[in-house]
Amino acid sequence: LPQGPRMLNITEKGKAGKIQLPREIFRSLSSQTVRVVVTVLNIQRLGMFEEVNQTGQVLDDTVVGIMVGETSISGLQDPMQLTFAHGQLPHGITPQCVFWDPSKGQAGGWNSSGCVMQLGDKGTICSCDHLTFFTLLLNPALDRSTAQALMTVATAGCGVAMAFSIFTIAFCIFLRCRFRSEETLCINLGLHVNLMGSLLLLNLAFLLNSGLSSGTQPGTCKVLAGLTHYCLLCCFTWMALEGCHLYRLFVKVLGTYIHHYLLKLCLVGWGFPTLVVGVAGVIGSYGEYSIQTVDHQVIAHLCWITSKYLLVHYITNCGYFGLIILFNMAVFGVVTQKSCCLQGTGAVQGDRKAWKVALVVVGLFCLLGATWVLAFLTHDTSSVPMLYLFTILNSLQGIFIFIWLVILYYPKTRETAGSLSHIIRHDKTVTVSQ
């Protein structure tokens, strides 16, 4: 494979890439005369293969196209090997073998499925089970110093979040004791106590995980991984129950009394994650998970779902939370619309504290989900700014919740409760969660 571009960046002069095609291709075409076409393109000059929101850089702006005959070749048992020759990669860069997928997004994009990368002394070897246009994508990697800084921020944030979670739980318990006659208020505070309890346990599990994961016994690491996973699922589940409760209070017609309502929510909030973690533990999903740099230096040890069972992570964490956030955003829209209708029909006159309470609570509820949405933007170690933003915002959750609840219920708690009671009596079909 000759050098295509003239402007050399990382590729060393005098070195060339190499293509090795398997015999499987030619055996199927033994009775035909075919042409093997290798195309080397400089995409900077041509303005081609531009992916929307691309974070990585194409090696030397070079894309290599490989075609044998006029038919599309895929599903090779013996993969094709394409060697990209380059010198020493810059610090903080991790290579990725990718091909151009026209079906990705609206205008196409880079895809790595079917390709395996192997770092060599003189370059990077990409083994792929199909033929198309390939390149080596250089993604910014998470280095040791950045990882240590993130761990420091996360550890400090977890400590602060735990302290304010305890303050918030104590404050909610105090209000429940003071206003026992307000059933709706007591149920709301009970939900908040459980949500804050799940956040408290999640922060505690993370601190234990980051502090005890290195050098622990395999059995202990599995237990610690299961505990962390359980606390995370409890946090997600209580967010969903908050959304269900908001829907029931704002949308559902009154009169459907549920016996031991809060107790049943607790069975779901704390029981359902137990079933999920139990199944994941039976199939052996938990163990040591290592975060590595491009040169295979381990920068962090965690007790979590192992790399072999990443599908469990995608289903139980990403998929589960994705459904929850979609539902919560739908509830947010419905609750906002109902609140505006209350305001427009004069349900809240003069003193608008009930409207403010509803708006602040729904905003808080939305924020709890929105901060976790950032986790979808930190799918790998190339999103360092998002990692920082995700770590900082989630570390401040306990502070946000504590401040907002104090503003809502103190010092004029009786006045707030009275305003809410007025709304419930005024409109028999709608009530307010706070």
Protein backbone atom coordinates (compact mmCIF):
# COMPACT_ATOMS: atom_id res chain seq x y z
CA LEU A 1 0.00 0.00 0.00
CA PRO A 2 1.76 3.22 -1.10
CA GLN A 3 1.65 6.47 0.81
CA GLY A 4 -1.35 8.46 -0.34
CA PRO A 5 -1.12 11.89 1.28
CA ARG A 6 1.87 14.15 0.83
CA MET A 7 1.43 15.99 4.15
CA LEU A 8 2.81 13.49 6.64
CA ASN A 9 1.73 13.93 10.24
CA ILE A 10 2.25 10.74 12.23
CA THR A 11 3.20 8.40 9.41
CA GLU A 12 6.96 8.03 9.20
CA LYS A 13 8.67 8.51 5.86
CA GLY A 14 9.87 5.32 4.24
CA LYS A 15 7.20 3.16 5.87
CA ALA A 16 4.16 1.79 4.08
CA GLY A 17 0.99 0.10 5.17
CA LYS A 18 0.07 -3.44 4.21
CA ILE A 19 -3.09 -5.27 3.14
CA GLN A 20 -3.54 -9.00 3.54
CA LEU A 21 -6.64 -10.53 1.91
CA PRO A 22 -7.77 -14.04 2.96
CA ARG A 23 -7.89 -16.90 0.47
CA GLU A 24 -11.57 -17.31 1.25
CA ILE A 25 -12.37 -14.35 -1.01
CA PHE A 26 -10.58 -15.78 -4.04
CA ARG A 27 -11.87 -19.31 -3.57
CA SER A 28 -15.41 -18.09 -4.03
CA LEU A 29 -14.30 -16.24 -7.18
CA SER A 30 -12.01 -18.92 -8.60
CA SER A 31 -13.92 -19.20 -11.87
CA GLN A 32 -13.99 -15.45 -12.46
CA THR A 33 -11.54 -12.77 -13.40
CA VAL A 34 -11.88 -9.98 -10.88
CA ARG A 35 -10.08 -6.76 -10.20
CA VAL A 36 -8.72 -5.87 -6.79
CA VAL A 37 -9.00 -2.12 -6.25
CA VAL A 38 -7.25 -0.31 -3.41
CA THR A 39 -8.09 3.38 -3.08
CA VAL A 40 -6.20 5.78 -0.83
CA LEU A 41 -8.06 9.05 -0.24
CA ASN A 42 -7.09 12.28 1.45
CA ILE A 43 -10.41 13.26 2.98
CA GLN A 44 -9.24 16.75 3.93
CA ARG A 45 -8.78 17.68 0.29
CA LEU A 46 -11.86 15.84 -0.94
CA GLY A 47 -14.22 16.92 1.84
CA MET A 48 -15.56 13.38 2.20
CA PHE A 49 -16.24 11.06 5.15
CA GLU A 50 -17.17 13.84 7.56
CA GLU A 51 -19.10 12.58 10.57
CA VAL A 52 -21.37 14.87 12.58
CA ASN A 53 -19.96 15.60 16.07
CA GLN A 54 -16.85 13.54 15.43
CA THR A 55 -14.50 13.58 18.44
CA GLY A 56 -11.58 11.59 17.02
CA GLN A 57 -9.13 12.53 14.28
CA VAL A 58 -8.52 10.43 11.18
CA LEU A 59 -4.90 9.27 10.95
CA ASP A 60 -3.17 11.57 8.44
CA ASP A 61 -6.65 12.34 6.98
CA THR A 62 -6.28 9.05 5.09
CA VAL A 63 -9.06 6.59 4.23
CA VAL A 64 -8.30 3.27 2.51
CA GLY A 65 -10.94 1.63 0.34
CA ILE A 66 -10.69 -2.07 -0.60
CA MET A 67 -12.85 -3.75 -3.22
CA VAL A 68 -12.64 -7.17 -4.87
CA GLY A 69 -14.83 -7.46 -7.93
CA GLU A 70 -18.13 -5.65 -8.09
CA THR A 71 -19.97 -7.38 -5.24
CA SER A 72 -20.08 -6.49 -1.57
CA ILE A 73 -18.01 -8.86 0.57
CA SER A 74 -18.87 -9.35 4.26
CA GLY A 75 -19.02 -12.05 6.92
CA LEU A 76 -15.50 -13.34 6.33
CA GLN A 77 -14.47 -16.24 8.56
CA ASP A 78 -10.82 -15.38 8.05
CA PRO A 79 -10.65 -11.58 8.41
CA MET A 80 -8.89 -9.15 6.14
CA GLN A 81 -5.87 -7.47 7.75
CA LEU A 82 -5.02 -3.83 7.10
CA THR A 83 -1.88 -2.39 8.69
CA PHE A 84 -1.70 1.35 9.23
CA ALA A 85 1.95 2.39 9.53
CA HIS A 86 2.65 5.22 11.97
CA GLY A 87 5.20 6.35 14.46
CA GLN A 88 4.77 6.87 18.17
CA LEU A 89 1.25 8.08 18.88
CA PRO A 90 0.92 11.27 20.93
CA HIS A 91 0.32 10.94 24.65
CA GLY A 92 -3.34 10.67 25.57
CA ILE A 93 -4.44 9.19 22.22
CA THR A 94 -6.06 5.79 21.70
CA PRO A 95 -6.48 4.37 18.15
CA GLN A 96 -9.66 2.72 16.90
CA CYS A 97 -10.18 0.69 13.72
CA VAL A 98 -13.31 1.96 11.98
CA PHE A 99 -15.05 1.82 8.61
CA TRP A 100 -17.48 4.21 6.96
CA ASP A 101 -21.09 3.17 7.56
CA PRO A 102 -23.50 5.03 5.23
CA SER A 103 -26.50 3.88 7.29
CA LYS A 104 -25.29 5.49 10.51
CA GLY A 105 -27.17 8.70 11.27
CA GLN A 106 -28.44 10.91 8.49
CA ALA A 107 -25.20 11.38 6.54
CA GLY A 108 -23.23 8.30 7.61
CA GLY A 109 -20.54 7.86 10.22
CA TRP A 110 -17.69 5.75 11.52
CA ASN A 111 -18.44 2.26 12.83
CA SER A 112 -16.15 -0.29 14.47
CA SER A 113 -18.33 -3.41 14.43
CA GLY A 114 -16.66 -6.41 12.86
CA CYS A 115 -13.16 -4.95 13.31
CA VAL A 116 -10.53 -5.91 15.86
CA MET A 117 -7.50 -3.73 16.61
CA GLN A 118 -4.00 -4.94 17.46
CA LEU A 119 -1.14 -2.59 18.29
CA GLY A 120 2.14 -3.50 16.64
CA ASP A 121 5.70 -2.20 16.72
CA LYS A 122 5.42 -0.43 13.37
CA GLY A 123 1.77 0.46 13.33
CA THR A 124 -1.74 -0.71 14.07
CA ILE A 125 -3.28 -3.84 12.55
CA CYS A 126 -7.01 -3.76 11.81
CA SER A 127 -8.64 -7.17 11.25
CA CYS A 128 -12.12 -6.83 9.74
CA ASP A 129 -14.66 -9.35 8.43
CA HIS A 130 -15.72 -7.26 5.43
CA LEU A 131 -14.37 -4.96 2.71
CA THR A 132 -15.17 -1.26 2.47
CA PHE A 133 -13.51 2.08 3.32
CA PHE A 134 -11.34 1.90 6.46
CA THR A 135 -9.30 4.27 8.56
CA LEU A 136 -7.65 4.56 11.95
CA LEU A 137 -9.49 6.97 14.23
CA LEU A 138 -7.39 8.67 16.92
CA ASN A 139 -9.51 9.37 20.00
CA PRO A 140 -8.37 11.38 23.03
CA ALA A 141 -7.76 8.96 25.88
CA LEU A 142 -8.14 9.35 29.59
CA ASP A 143 -4.66 9.64 31.09
CA ARG A 144 -3.60 8.81 34.62
CA SER A 145 -3.49 12.40 35.87
CA THR A 146 -7.00 13.12 34.56
CA ALA A 147 -8.32 9.91 36.08
CA GLN A 148 -6.79 10.75 39.45
CA ALA A 149 -8.27 14.26 39.29
CA LEU A 150 -11.69 12.82 38.49
CA MET A 151 -11.42 10.33 41.34
CA THR A 152 -10.45 13.14 43.73
CA VAL A 153 -13.40 15.29 42.63
CA ALA A 154 -15.78 12.34 42.83
CA THR A 155 -14.55 11.29 46.27
CA ALA A 156 -14.85 14.79 47.71
CA GLY A 157 -18.24 15.26 46.06
CA CYS A 158 -19.53 11.96 47.43
CA GLY A 159 -18.52 12.98 50.94
CA VAL A 160 -20.38 16.28 50.66
CA ALA A 161 -23.38 14.59 49.03
CA MET A 162 -23.58 12.04 51.85
CA ALA A 163 -23.55 14.78 54.48
CA PHE A 164 -26.37 16.73 52.81
CA SER A 165 -28.32 13.52 52.16
CA ILE A 166 -28.29 12.87 55.90
CA PHE A 167 -29.41 16.47 56.56
CA THR A 168 -32.23 16.11 54.03
CA ILE A 169 -33.44 12.80 55.47
CA ALA A 170 -33.46 14.28 58.97
CA PHE A 171 -35.33 17.37 57.72
CA CYS A 172 -37.99 15.25 55.97
CA ILE A 173 -38.47 13.05 59.04
CA PHE A 174 -38.90 16.18 61.16
CA LEU A 175 -41.59 17.50 58.82
CA ARG A 176 -43.41 14.15 58.74
CA CYS A 177 -43.57 14.15 62.51
CA ARG A 178 -44.81 17.75 62.58
CA PHE A 179 -47.54 17.35 59.94
CA ARG A 180 -48.88 13.86 60.50
CA SER A 181 -52.42 14.94 59.61
CA GLU A 182 -51.40 15.92 56.06
CA GLU A 183 -51.46 12.50 54.39
CA THR A 184 -50.34 13.69 50.95
CA LEU A 185 -47.51 15.68 52.45
CA CYS A 186 -46.34 12.72 54.51
CA ILE A 187 -46.33 10.43 51.48
CA ASN A 188 -44.33 12.98 49.47
CA LEU A 189 -41.78 13.33 52.24
CA GLY A 190 -41.59 9.55 52.56
CA LEU A 191 -40.75 9.29 48.86
CA HIS A 192 -38.04 11.93 49.24
CA VAL A 193 -36.58 10.08 52.22
CA ASN A 194 -36.28 6.89 50.19
CA LEU A 195 -34.82 8.70 47.19
CA MET A 196 -32.24 10.44 49.36
CA GLY A 197 -31.55 7.15 51.11
CA SER A 198 -30.76 5.50 47.79
CA LEU A 199 -28.45 8.39 46.85
CA LEU A 200 -26.76 8.11 50.25
CA LEU A 201 -26.16 4.38 49.77
CA LEU A 202 -24.93 4.92 46.21
CA ASN A 203 -22.34 7.47 47.32
CA LEU A 204 -21.28 5.22 50.18
CA ALA A 205 -20.95 2.23 47.84
CA PHE A 206 -18.82 4.28 45.46
CA LEU A 207 -16.49 5.34 48.26
CA LEU A 208 -16.14 1.74 49.41
CA ASN A 209 -15.61 0.60 45.83
CA SER A 210 -12.90 3.14 45.04
CA GLY A 211 -11.17 2.55 48.37
CA LEU A 212 -11.35 -1.23 48.70
CA SER A 213 -11.38 -2.48 45.09
CA SER A 214 -7.58 -2.65 44.72
CA GLY A 215 -6.13 -5.82 46.15
CA THR A 216 -9.43 -7.31 47.34
CA GLN A 217 -10.26 -10.99 47.11
CA PRO A 218 -12.36 -12.05 44.08
CA GLY A 219 -15.31 -12.98 46.29
CA THR A 220 -15.21 -9.66 48.14
CA CYS A 221 -14.94 -7.76 44.85
CA LYS A 222 -18.01 -9.54 43.51
CA VAL A 223 -20.01 -8.62 46.59
CA LEU A 224 -18.83 -5.01 46.37
CA ALA A 225 -19.72 -4.87 42.66
CA GLY A 226 -23.17 -6.28 43.35
CA LEU A 227 -23.72 -3.76 46.15
CA THR A 228 -22.74 -0.85 43.91
CA HIS A 229 -24.98 -2.10 41.12
CA TYR A 230 -27.86 -2.57 43.57
CA CYS A 231 -27.55 0.99 44.92
CA LEU A 232 -27.45 2.42 41.40
CA LEU A 233 -30.59 0.52 40.37
CA CYS A 234 -32.35 1.61 43.58
CA CYS A 235 -31.55 5.24 42.74
CA PHE A 236 -32.98 4.84 39.23
CA THR A 237 -36.06 3.01 40.52
CA TRP A 238 -36.90 5.68 43.08
CA MET A 239 -36.59 8.33 40.37
CA ALA A 240 -39.17 6.35 38.40
CA LEU A 241 -41.44 6.05 41.46
CA GLU A 242 -41.23 9.81 41.97
CA GLY A 243 -42.43 10.19 38.40
CA CYS A 244 -45.26 7.70 38.89
CA HIS A 245 -46.32 9.53 42.04
CA LEU A 246 -46.35 12.87 40.24
CA TYR A 247 -48.46 11.36 37.46
CA ARG A 248 -50.91 9.88 39.94
CA LEU A 249 -51.33 13.17 41.80
CA PHE A 250 -51.50 15.54 38.86
CA VAL A 251 -53.23 13.44 36.20
CA LYS A 252 -55.10 10.49 37.69
CA VAL A 253 -58.60 11.13 39.03
CA LEU A 254 -58.83 11.29 42.81
CA GLY A 255 -60.67 8.65 44.76
CA THR A 256 -58.43 5.68 43.95
CA TYR A 257 -57.13 5.10 47.46
CA ILE A 258 -54.28 2.58 47.68
CA HIS A 259 -53.95 0.79 50.98
CA HIS A 260 -50.38 0.95 52.40
CA TYR A 261 -49.35 3.00 49.38
CA LEU A 262 -45.90 4.02 50.62
CA LEU A 263 -45.12 0.49 51.83
CA LYS A 264 -45.90 -0.93 48.40
CA LEU A 265 -43.66 1.68 46.77
CA CYS A 266 -40.87 0.63 49.12
CA LEU A 267 -41.30 -3.00 48.10
CA VAL A 268 -40.85 -1.98 44.47
CA GLY A 269 -38.10 0.55 45.07
CA TRP A 270 -35.92 -1.73 47.15
CA GLY A 271 -37.15 -5.14 45.97
CA PHE A 272 -36.98 -4.93 42.17
CA PRO A 273 -33.23 -4.08 42.11
CA THR A 274 -32.66 -7.10 44.36
CA LEU A 275 -34.10 -9.39 41.68
CA VAL A 276 -31.99 -7.82 38.93
CA VAL A 277 -28.77 -7.99 40.94
CA GLY A 278 -29.57 -11.58 41.96
CA VAL A 279 -29.91 -12.69 38.34
CA ALA A 280 -26.76 -10.80 37.34
CA GLY A 281 -24.87 -12.42 40.21
CA VAL A 282 -26.03 -15.92 39.30
CA ILE A 283 -24.65 -15.63 35.76
CA GLY A 284 -21.33 -14.33 37.14
CA SER A 285 -21.44 -10.75 35.84
CA TYR A 286 -19.55 -9.15 38.72
CA GLY A 287 -15.82 -8.90 39.23
CA GLU A 288 -12.86 -6.60 38.73
CA TYR A 289 -13.11 -3.97 36.01
CA SER A 290 -9.97 -2.09 34.94
CA ILE A 291 -9.76 1.25 33.17
CA GLN A 292 -6.63 1.36 31.00
CA THR A 293 -4.73 3.85 28.88
CA VAL A 294 -3.72 3.27 25.27
CA ASP A 295 -0.44 1.71 26.39
CA HIS A 296 -2.35 -0.72 28.63
CA GLN A 297 -1.46 1.03 31.89
CA VAL A 298 -4.15 0.50 34.49
CA ILE A 299 -5.33 3.84 35.85
CA ALA A 300 -8.20 2.61 38.01
CA HIS A 301 -9.57 -0.62 39.49
CA LEU A 302 -13.27 -0.96 40.19
CA CYS A 303 -15.49 -3.80 41.35
CA TRP A 304 -18.19 -3.71 38.73
CA ILE A 305 -19.70 -5.63 35.83
CA THR A 306 -16.80 -7.28 33.99
CA SER A 307 -15.97 -6.55 30.36
CA LYS A 308 -17.18 -10.03 29.38
CA TYR A 309 -20.72 -9.14 30.45
CA LEU A 310 -21.04 -5.60 29.11
CA LEU A 311 -24.43 -6.58 27.68
CA VAL A 312 -25.70 -6.82 31.27
CA HIS A 313 -24.55 -3.24 31.84
CA TYR A 314 -26.22 -1.99 28.67
CA ILE A 315 -29.54 -3.67 29.52
CA THR A 316 -29.80 -3.18 33.30
CA ASN A 317 -28.25 0.28 33.47
CA CYS A 318 -28.35 2.10 30.12
CA GLY A 319 -31.58 0.55 28.84
CA TYR A 320 -33.35 0.69 32.20
CA PHE A 321 -32.46 4.31 32.84
CA GLY A 322 -33.26 5.24 29.24
CA LEU A 323 -36.84 4.04 29.72
CA ILE A 324 -37.09 5.84 33.06
CA ILE A 325 -35.89 9.18 31.74
CA LEU A 326 -38.28 8.99 28.77
CA PHE A 327 -41.18 8.34 31.12
CA ASN A 328 -40.10 11.08 33.52
CA MET A 329 -39.79 13.64 30.74
CA ALA A 330 -43.29 12.72 29.55
CA VAL A 331 -44.60 13.18 33.10
CA PHE A 332 -42.75 16.48 33.29
CA GLY A 333 -44.58 17.71 30.21
CA VAL A 334 -47.99 16.55 31.44
CA VAL A 335 -47.49 18.00 34.92
CA THR A 336 -46.34 21.33 33.50
CA GLN A 337 -49.41 21.47 31.27
CA LYS A 338 -51.74 20.65 34.16
CA SER A 339 -50.09 23.26 36.37
CA CYS A 340 -50.54 25.90 33.69
CA CYS A 341 -54.21 24.95 33.42
CA LEU A 342 -54.62 25.37 37.18
CA GLN A 343 -53.04 28.79 36.97
CA GLY A 344 -55.18 29.80 34.01
CA THR A 345 -58.48 28.69 35.57
CA GLY A 346 -57.79 30.62 38.77
CA ALA A 347 -57.19 27.64 41.04
CA VAL A 348 -54.37 29.64 42.57
CA GLN A 349 -55.33 33.22 43.28
CA GLY A 350 -53.46 35.92 45.10
CA ASP A 351 -50.79 33.86 46.79
CA ARG A 352 -49.03 31.83 44.13
CA LYS A 353 -46.93 29.70 46.43
CA ALA A 354 -48.64 26.49 45.31
CA TRP A 355 -47.69 27.20 41.69
CA LYS A 356 -44.13 27.98 42.72
CA VAL A 357 -43.92 24.81 44.77
CA ALA A 358 -45.17 22.69 41.87
CA LEU A 359 -42.76 24.32 39.43
CA VAL A 360 -39.76 23.97 41.72
CA VAL A 361 -40.51 20.35 42.55
CA VAL A 362 -40.99 19.39 38.91
CA GLY A 363 -37.76 21.24 38.08
CA LEU A 364 -35.96 19.35 40.81
CA PHE A 365 -37.38 16.10 39.57
CA CYS A 366 -36.28 16.91 36.04
CA LEU A 367 -32.80 17.83 37.22
CA LEU A 368 -32.37 14.52 38.99
CA GLY A 369 -32.90 12.78 35.69
CA ALA A 370 -31.05 15.29 33.53
CA THR A 371 -27.77 14.99 35.42
CA TRP A 372 -27.74 11.24 34.83
CA VAL A 373 -28.41 11.77 31.12
CA LEU A 374 -24.81 13.00 30.92
CA ALA A 375 -23.77 9.41 31.58
CA PHE A 376 -24.84 8.59 28.01
CA LEU A 377 -22.34 11.18 26.75
CA THR A 378 -19.48 9.57 28.70
CA HIS A 379 -19.68 6.22 26.94
CA ASP A 380 -15.90 5.97 26.72
CA THR A 381 -12.82 7.74 28.00
CA SER A 382 -12.78 10.24 25.14
CA SER A 383 -15.38 12.54 26.70
CA VAL A 384 -13.24 14.09 29.43
CA PRO A 385 -15.25 17.36 29.72
CA MET A 386 -18.47 15.39 30.04
CA LEU A 387 -16.85 13.16 32.66
CA TYR A 388 -15.99 16.23 34.72
CA LEU A 389 -19.46 17.73 34.27
CA PHE A 390 -21.19 14.45 35.11
CA THR A 391 -19.02 13.93 38.20
CA ILE A 392 -19.49 17.46 39.55
CA LEU A 393 -23.25 17.76 38.95
CA ASN A 394 -24.06 14.37 40.43
CA SER A 395 -21.85 15.12 43.41
CA LEU A 396 -23.93 18.24 44.07
CA GLN A 397 -27.30 16.47 43.98
CA GLY A 398 -27.54 16.21 47.75
CA ILE A 399 -26.89 19.94 48.16
CA PHE A 400 -29.46 20.90 45.51
CA ILE A 401 -32.17 18.71 47.01
CA PHE A 402 -31.53 19.92 50.55
CA ILE A 403 -31.64 23.60 49.58
CA TRP A 404 -34.79 23.23 47.50
CA LEU A 405 -36.67 21.27 50.15
CA VAL A 406 -35.78 23.86 52.79
CA ILE A 407 -37.06 26.63 50.49
CA LEU A 408 -40.28 24.69 49.89
CA TYR A 409 -41.14 23.76 53.45
CA TYR A 410 -39.40 26.21 55.76
CA PRO A 411 -40.14 28.52 57.47
CA LYS A 412 -43.81 28.81 56.35
CA THR A 413 -44.62 25.13 56.22
CA ARG A 414 -48.16 25.45 57.50
CA GLU A 415 -48.90 28.15 54.95
CA THR A 416 -47.58 25.98 52.10
CA ALA A 417 -49.57 22.97 53.25
CA GLY A 418 -52.67 25.14 53.49
CA SER A 419 -52.23 26.43 49.96
CA LEU A 420 -51.91 22.91 48.66
CA SER A 421 -55.01 21.82 50.49
CA HIS A 422 -56.85 24.72 48.86
CA ILE A 423 -55.86 23.50 45.39
CA ILE A 424 -56.96 19.94 46.17
CA ARG A 425 -60.34 21.15 47.39
CA HIS A 426 -60.75 23.54 44.44
CA ASP A 427 -60.14 20.99 41.70
CA LYS A 428 -61.22 17.46 42.55
CA THR A 429 -59.39 15.97 39.60
CA VAL A 430 -55.94 17.36 40.25
CA THR A 431 -53.66 17.63 43.25
CA VAL A 432 -50.11 18.71 43.82
CA SER A 433 -47.34 16.39 44.97
CA GLN A 434 -45.63 18.89 47.23
